[in-house]
Amino acid sequence: MKVPRKNKLSSSIVYTKPTKEQKEYFKQKSVVENTHLSTNSWLKKFVNYRETVGLTDIRENITNLKDLEE
């Protein structure tokens, strides 16, 4: 993280390591809320579709297309 500090010997900028709180803040800031909303909407429609066609078993960990087709 860039923190401007003037050194008596030079006017260069000193970089400091971000704190855990700063890291967590920027990590959360990078998450887009609409992504979660879209994913939840898609999953609800997917579950509804599976129930409609008679596929009631829920697959929690789908890792590839073959698992989804089963």
PDB file of N, CA and C in Angstrom:
ATOM      1  N   MET A   1       0.848  -1.159   0.000  1.00  0.00           N
ATOM      2  CA  MET A   1       0.000   0.000   0.000  1.00  0.00           C
ATOM      3  C   MET A   1       0.894   1.221   0.000  1.00  0.00           C
ATOM      4  N   LYS A   2       0.575   2.183  -0.802  1.00  0.00           N
ATOM      5  CA  LYS A   2       1.391   3.371  -0.941  1.00  0.00           C
ATOM      6  C   LYS A   2       1.006   4.379   0.131  1.00  0.00           C
ATOM      7  N   VAL A   3       1.973   4.754   0.932  1.00  0.00           N
ATOM      8  CA  VAL A   3       1.758   5.768   1.961  1.00  0.00           C
ATOM      9  C   VAL A   3       2.793   6.860   1.739  1.00  0.00           C
ATOM     10  N   PRO A   4       2.321   8.061   1.402  1.00  0.00           N
ATOM     11  CA  PRO A   4       3.307   9.119   1.168  1.00  0.00           C
ATOM     12  C   PRO A   4       3.959   9.569   2.475  1.00  0.00           C
ATOM     13  N   ARG A   5       5.244   9.502   2.515  1.00  0.00           N
ATOM     14  CA  ARG A   5       6.014   9.980   3.659  1.00  0.00           C
ATOM     15  C   ARG A   5       7.250  10.683   3.126  1.00  0.00           C
ATOM     16  N   LYS A   6       7.518  11.799   3.685  1.00  0.00           N
ATOM     17  CA  LYS A   6       8.722  12.497   3.246  1.00  0.00           C
ATOM     18  C   LYS A   6       9.888  12.118   4.142  1.00  0.00           C
ATOM     19  N   ASN A   7      10.916  11.687   3.490  1.00  0.00           N
ATOM     20  CA  ASN A   7      12.147  11.344   4.177  1.00  0.00           C
ATOM     21  C   ASN A   7      13.012  12.598   4.215  1.00  0.00           C
ATOM     22  N   LYS A   8      13.709  12.812   5.298  1.00  0.00           N
ATOM     23  CA  LYS A   8      14.545  14.009   5.394  1.00  0.00           C
ATOM     24  C   LYS A   8      15.653  14.018   4.341  1.00  0.00           C
ATOM     25  N   LEU A   9      16.095  12.814   3.948  1.00  0.00           N
ATOM     26  CA  LEU A   9      17.178  12.751   2.972  1.00  0.00           C
ATOM     27  C   LEU A   9      16.668  12.867   1.537  1.00  0.00           C
ATOM     28  N   SER A  10      15.441  12.440   1.294  1.00  0.00           N
ATOM     29  CA  SER A  10      14.896  12.524  -0.060  1.00  0.00           C
ATOM     30  C   SER A  10      13.387  12.671   0.019  1.00  0.00           C
ATOM     31  N   SER A  11      12.771  12.966  -1.075  1.00  0.00           N
ATOM     32  CA  SER A  11      11.312  13.135  -1.096  1.00  0.00           C
ATOM     33  C   SER A  11      10.633  11.939  -1.769  1.00  0.00           C
ATOM     34  N   SER A  12      11.218  10.748  -1.622  1.00  0.00           N
ATOM     35  CA  SER A  12      10.647   9.562  -2.251  1.00  0.00           C
ATOM     36  C   SER A  12       9.479   9.037  -1.432  1.00  0.00           C
ATOM     37  N   ILE A  13       8.659   8.233  -2.057  1.00  0.00           N
ATOM     38  CA  ILE A  13       7.492   7.627  -1.415  1.00  0.00           C
ATOM     39  C   ILE A  13       7.905   6.291  -0.825  1.00  0.00           C
ATOM     40  N   VAL A  14       7.424   6.016   0.384  1.00  0.00           N
ATOM     41  CA  VAL A  14       7.739   4.776   1.078  1.00  0.00           C
ATOM     42  C   VAL A  14       6.515   3.874   1.015  1.00  0.00           C
ATOM     43  N   TYR A  15       6.712   2.622   0.635  1.00  0.00           N
ATOM     44  CA  TYR A  15       5.631   1.657   0.571  1.00  0.00           C
ATOM     45  C   TYR A  15       5.638   0.819   1.844  1.00  0.00           C
ATOM     46  N   THR A  16       4.444   0.617   2.394  1.00  0.00           N
ATOM     47  CA  THR A  16       4.342  -0.191   3.600  1.00  0.00           C
ATOM     48  C   THR A  16       3.423  -1.377   3.337  1.00  0.00           C
ATOM     49  N   LYS A  17       3.615  -2.427   4.125  1.00  0.00           N
ATOM     50  CA  LYS A  17       2.810  -3.631   3.995  1.00  0.00           C
ATOM     51  C   LYS A  17       1.407  -3.357   4.549  1.00  0.00           C
ATOM     52  N   PRO A  18       0.351  -3.747   3.794  1.00  0.00           N
ATOM     53  CA  PRO A  18      -1.004  -3.507   4.295  1.00  0.00           C
ATOM     54  C   PRO A  18      -1.327  -4.383   5.502  1.00  0.00           C
ATOM     55  N   THR A  19      -2.177  -3.876   6.375  1.00  0.00           N
ATOM     56  CA  THR A  19      -2.600  -4.638   7.549  1.00  0.00           C
ATOM     57  C   THR A  19      -3.618  -5.691   7.126  1.00  0.00           C
ATOM     58  N   LYS A  20      -3.942  -6.605   8.044  1.00  0.00           N
ATOM     59  CA  LYS A  20      -4.948  -7.632   7.762  1.00  0.00           C
ATOM     60  C   LYS A  20      -6.299  -6.987   7.478  1.00  0.00           C
ATOM     61  N   GLU A  21      -6.627  -5.939   8.215  1.00  0.00           N
ATOM     62  CA  GLU A  21      -7.898  -5.245   8.011  1.00  0.00           C
ATOM     63  C   GLU A  21      -7.968  -4.619   6.622  1.00  0.00           C
ATOM     64  N   GLN A  22      -6.871  -4.027   6.185  1.00  0.00           N
ATOM     65  CA  GLN A  22      -6.837  -3.429   4.849  1.00  0.00           C
ATOM     66  C   GLN A  22      -6.965  -4.497   3.766  1.00  0.00           C
ATOM     67  N   LYS A  23      -6.303  -5.622   3.960  1.00  0.00           N
ATOM     68  CA  LYS A  23      -6.399  -6.712   2.982  1.00  0.00           C
ATOM     69  C   LYS A  23      -7.830  -7.217   2.891  1.00  0.00           C
ATOM     70  N   GLU A  24      -8.460  -7.432   4.044  1.00  0.00           N
ATOM     71  CA  GLU A  24      -9.834  -7.929   4.071  1.00  0.00           C
ATOM     72  C   GLU A  24     -10.794  -6.919   3.445  1.00  0.00           C
ATOM     73  N   TYR A  25     -10.580  -5.633   3.717  1.00  0.00           N
ATOM     74  CA  TYR A  25     -11.413  -4.580   3.145  1.00  0.00           C
ATOM     75  C   TYR A  25     -11.362  -4.624   1.616  1.00  0.00           C
ATOM     76  N   PHE A  26     -10.177  -4.680   1.049  1.00  0.00           N
ATOM     77  CA  PHE A  26     -10.052  -4.672  -0.400  1.00  0.00           C
ATOM     78  C   PHE A  26     -10.529  -5.987  -1.015  1.00  0.00           C
ATOM     79  N   LYS A  27     -10.382  -7.081  -0.281  1.00  0.00           N
ATOM     80  CA  LYS A  27     -10.890  -8.365  -0.758  1.00  0.00           C
ATOM     81  C   LYS A  27     -12.409  -8.310  -0.873  1.00  0.00           C
ATOM     82  N   GLN A  28     -13.076  -7.779   0.145  1.00  0.00           N
ATOM     83  CA  GLN A  28     -14.534  -7.658   0.121  1.00  0.00           C
ATOM     84  C   GLN A  28     -14.981  -6.619  -0.895  1.00  0.00           C
ATOM     85  N   LYS A  29     -14.221  -5.580  -1.068  1.00  0.00           N
ATOM     86  CA  LYS A  29     -14.563  -4.506  -2.006  1.00  0.00           C
ATOM     87  C   LYS A  29     -14.540  -5.003  -3.451  1.00  0.00           C
ATOM     88  N   SER A  30     -13.735  -6.035  -3.712  1.00  0.00           N
ATOM     89  CA  SER A  30     -13.615  -6.534  -5.082  1.00  0.00           C
ATOM     90  C   SER A  30     -14.749  -7.480  -5.467  1.00  0.00           C
ATOM     91  N   VAL A  31     -15.549  -7.908  -4.493  1.00  0.00           N
ATOM     92  CA  VAL A  31     -16.663  -8.816  -4.769  1.00  0.00           C
ATOM     93  C   VAL A  31     -17.856  -8.004  -5.260  1.00  0.00           C
ATOM     94  N   VAL A  32     -18.409  -8.392  -6.388  1.00  0.00           N
ATOM     95  CA  VAL A  32     -19.542  -7.689  -6.960  1.00  0.00           C
ATOM     96  C   VAL A  32     -20.829  -8.338  -6.453  1.00  0.00           C
ATOM     97  N   GLU A  33     -21.691  -7.546  -5.820  1.00  0.00           N
ATOM     98  CA  GLU A  33     -22.915  -8.075  -5.233  1.00  0.00           C
ATOM     99  C   GLU A  33     -23.830  -8.676  -6.293  1.00  0.00           C
ATOM    100  N   ASN A  34     -23.893  -8.071  -7.473  1.00  0.00           N
ATOM    101  CA  ASN A  34     -24.779  -8.586  -8.515  1.00  0.00           C
ATOM    102  C   ASN A  34     -24.372  -9.982  -8.980  1.00  0.00           C
ATOM    103  N   THR A  35     -23.110 -10.330  -8.853  1.00  0.00           N
ATOM    104  CA  THR A  35     -22.671 -11.677  -9.211  1.00  0.00           C
ATOM    105  C   THR A  35     -23.358 -12.695  -8.314  1.00  0.00           C
ATOM    106  N   HIS A  36     -23.400 -12.410  -7.026  1.00  0.00           N
ATOM    107  CA  HIS A  36     -24.067 -13.320  -6.085  1.00  0.00           C
ATOM    108  C   HIS A  36     -25.562 -13.395  -6.373  1.00  0.00           C
ATOM    109  N   LEU A  37     -26.166 -12.259  -6.669  1.00  0.00           N
ATOM    110  CA  LEU A  37     -27.598 -12.251  -6.961  1.00  0.00           C
ATOM    111  C   LEU A  37     -27.904 -13.049  -8.224  1.00  0.00           C
ATOM    112  N   SER A  38     -27.095 -12.871  -9.250  1.00  0.00           N
ATOM    113  CA  SER A  38     -27.299 -13.601 -10.503  1.00  0.00           C
ATOM    114  C   SER A  38     -27.108 -15.100 -10.303  1.00  0.00           C
ATOM    115  N   THR A  39     -26.082 -15.465  -9.551  1.00  0.00           N
ATOM    116  CA  THR A  39     -25.814 -16.883  -9.297  1.00  0.00           C
ATOM    117  C   THR A  39     -26.970 -17.511  -8.531  1.00  0.00           C
ATOM    118  N   ASN A  40     -27.450 -16.823  -7.505  1.00  0.00           N
ATOM    119  CA  ASN A  40     -28.574 -17.354  -6.728  1.00  0.00           C
ATOM    120  C   ASN A  40     -29.817 -17.500  -7.590  1.00  0.00           C
ATOM    121  N   SER A  41     -30.075 -16.532  -8.457  1.00  0.00           N
ATOM    122  CA  SER A  41     -31.230 -16.599  -9.342  1.00  0.00           C
ATOM    123  C   SER A  41     -31.106 -17.785 -10.293  1.00  0.00           C
ATOM    124  N   TRP A  42     -29.918 -17.968 -10.863  1.00  0.00           N
ATOM    125  CA  TRP A  42     -29.691 -19.074 -11.798  1.00  0.00           C
ATOM    126  C   TRP A  42     -29.865 -20.404 -11.097  1.00  0.00           C
ATOM    127  N   LEU A  43     -29.324 -20.526  -9.881  1.00  0.00           N
ATOM    128  CA  LEU A  43     -29.423 -21.785  -9.154  1.00  0.00           C
ATOM    129  C   LEU A  43     -30.867 -22.125  -8.796  1.00  0.00           C
ATOM    130  N   LYS A  44     -31.664 -21.133  -8.416  1.00  0.00           N
ATOM    131  CA  LYS A  44     -33.077 -21.376  -8.118  1.00  0.00           C
ATOM    132  C   LYS A  44     -33.806 -21.898  -9.359  1.00  0.00           C
ATOM    133  N   LYS A  45     -33.531 -21.301 -10.509  1.00  0.00           N
ATOM    134  CA  LYS A  45     -34.163 -21.745 -11.756  1.00  0.00           C
ATOM    135  C   LYS A  45     -33.692 -23.147 -12.135  1.00  0.00           C
ATOM    136  N   PHE A  46     -32.429 -23.433 -11.885  1.00  0.00           N
ATOM    137  CA  PHE A  46     -31.874 -24.744 -12.194  1.00  0.00           C
ATOM    138  C   PHE A  46     -32.519 -25.822 -11.328  1.00  0.00           C
ATOM    139  N   VAL A  47     -32.643 -25.543 -10.035  1.00  0.00           N
ATOM    140  CA  VAL A  47     -33.275 -26.496  -9.122  1.00  0.00           C
ATOM    141  C   VAL A  47     -34.734 -26.696  -9.506  1.00  0.00           C
ATOM    142  N   ASN A  48     -35.430 -25.617  -9.860  1.00  0.00           N
ATOM    143  CA  ASN A  48     -36.824 -25.700 -10.290  1.00  0.00           C
ATOM    144  C   ASN A  48     -36.946 -26.560 -11.547  1.00  0.00           C
ATOM    145  N   TYR A  49     -36.033 -26.383 -12.495  1.00  0.00           N
ATOM    146  CA  TYR A  49     -36.030 -27.183 -13.723  1.00  0.00           C
ATOM    147  C   TYR A  49     -35.831 -28.666 -13.395  1.00  0.00           C
ATOM    148  N   ARG A  50     -34.852 -28.958 -12.521  1.00  0.00           N
ATOM    149  CA  ARG A  50     -34.564 -30.359 -12.170  1.00  0.00           C
ATOM    150  C   ARG A  50     -35.768 -31.010 -11.510  1.00  0.00           C
ATOM    151  N   GLU A  51     -36.478 -30.262 -10.659  1.00  0.00           N
ATOM    152  CA  GLU A  51     -37.678 -30.798 -10.016  1.00  0.00           C
ATOM    153  C   GLU A  51     -38.782 -31.030 -11.046  1.00  0.00           C
ATOM    154  N   THR A  52     -38.895 -30.123 -12.017  1.00  0.00           N
ATOM    155  CA  THR A  52     -39.934 -30.220 -13.047  1.00  0.00           C
ATOM    156  C   THR A  52     -39.747 -31.462 -13.914  1.00  0.00           C
ATOM    157  N   VAL A  53     -38.504 -31.786 -14.258  1.00  0.00           N
ATOM    158  CA  VAL A  53     -38.248 -32.938 -15.119  1.00  0.00           C
ATOM    159  C   VAL A  53     -38.042 -34.224 -14.326  1.00  0.00           C
ATOM    160  N   GLY A  54     -38.157 -34.149 -12.999  1.00  0.00           N
ATOM    161  CA  GLY A  54     -38.093 -35.354 -12.189  1.00  0.00           C
ATOM    162  C   GLY A  54     -36.719 -35.722 -11.681  1.00  0.00           C
ATOM    163  N   LEU A  55     -35.799 -34.823 -11.702  1.00  0.00           N
ATOM    164  CA  LEU A  55     -34.450 -35.083 -11.177  1.00  0.00           C
ATOM    165  C   LEU A  55     -34.355 -34.425  -9.803  1.00  0.00           C
ATOM    166  N   THR A  56     -34.799 -35.144  -8.788  1.00  0.00           N
ATOM    167  CA  THR A  56     -34.887 -34.541  -7.464  1.00  0.00           C
ATOM    168  C   THR A  56     -33.612 -34.656  -6.648  1.00  0.00           C
ATOM    169  N   ASP A  57     -32.698 -35.564  -7.037  1.00  0.00           N
ATOM    170  CA  ASP A  57     -31.455 -35.661  -6.260  1.00  0.00           C
ATOM    171  C   ASP A  57     -30.594 -34.427  -6.528  1.00  0.00           C
ATOM    172  N   ILE A  58     -30.120 -33.835  -5.456  1.00  0.00           N
ATOM    173  CA  ILE A  58     -29.314 -32.619  -5.568  1.00  0.00           C
ATOM    174  C   ILE A  58     -27.839 -33.014  -5.628  1.00  0.00           C
ATOM    175  N   ARG A  59     -27.148 -32.506  -6.610  1.00  0.00           N
ATOM    176  CA  ARG A  59     -25.703 -32.729  -6.742  1.00  0.00           C
ATOM    177  C   ARG A  59     -25.002 -31.478  -6.215  1.00  0.00           C
ATOM    178  N   GLU A  60     -24.363 -31.593  -5.078  1.00  0.00           N
ATOM    179  CA  GLU A  60     -23.704 -30.444  -4.466  1.00  0.00           C
ATOM    180  C   GLU A  60     -22.403 -30.087  -5.177  1.00  0.00           C
ATOM    181  N   ASN A  61     -21.627 -31.086  -5.516  1.00  0.00           N
ATOM    182  CA  ASN A  61     -20.314 -30.831  -6.095  1.00  0.00           C
ATOM    183  C   ASN A  61     -20.260 -31.326  -7.533  1.00  0.00           C
ATOM    184  N   ILE A  62     -20.663 -30.494  -8.446  1.00  0.00           N
ATOM    185  CA  ILE A  62     -20.584 -30.831  -9.865  1.00  0.00           C
ATOM    186  C   ILE A  62     -19.261 -30.297 -10.380  1.00  0.00           C
ATOM    187  N   THR A  63     -18.370 -31.205 -10.779  1.00  0.00           N
ATOM    188  CA  THR A  63     -17.040 -30.789 -11.194  1.00  0.00           C
ATOM    189  C   THR A  63     -16.861 -30.772 -12.700  1.00  0.00           C
ATOM    190  N   ASN A  64     -17.735 -31.488 -13.416  1.00  0.00           N
ATOM    191  CA  ASN A  64     -17.618 -31.458 -14.863  1.00  0.00           C
ATOM    192  C   ASN A  64     -18.980 -31.715 -15.498  1.00  0.00           C
ATOM    193  N   LEU A  65     -19.072 -31.569 -16.789  1.00  0.00           N
ATOM    194  CA  LEU A  65     -20.326 -31.711 -17.512  1.00  0.00           C
ATOM    195  C   LEU A  65     -20.891 -33.115 -17.416  1.00  0.00           C
ATOM    196  N   LYS A  66     -20.035 -34.123 -17.365  1.00  0.00           N
ATOM    197  CA  LYS A  66     -20.501 -35.506 -17.273  1.00  0.00           C
ATOM    198  C   LYS A  66     -21.319 -35.727 -15.999  1.00  0.00           C
ATOM    199  N   ASP A  67     -20.878 -35.154 -14.869  1.00  0.00           N
ATOM    200  CA  ASP A  67     -21.625 -35.268 -13.621  1.00  0.00           C
ATOM    201  C   ASP A  67     -23.008 -34.623 -13.762  1.00  0.00           C
ATOM    202  N   LEU A  68     -23.075 -33.523 -14.442  1.00  0.00           N
ATOM    203  CA  LEU A  68     -24.335 -32.800 -14.614  1.00  0.00           C
ATOM    204  C   LEU A  68     -25.308 -33.584 -15.499  1.00  0.00           C
ATOM    205  N   GLU A  69     -24.782 -34.289 -16.480  1.00  0.00           N
ATOM    206  CA  GLU A  69     -25.645 -35.042 -17.421  1.00  0.00           C
ATOM    207  C   GLU A  69     -26.203 -36.305 -16.806  1.00  0.00           C
ATOM    208  N   GLU A  70     -25.620 -36.810 -15.726  1.00  0.00           N
ATOM    209  CA  GLU A  70     -26.081 -38.059 -15.108  1.00  0.00           C
ATOM    210  C   GLU A  70     -27.423 -37.912 -14.432  1.00  0.00           C
TER     211      GLU A  70
END
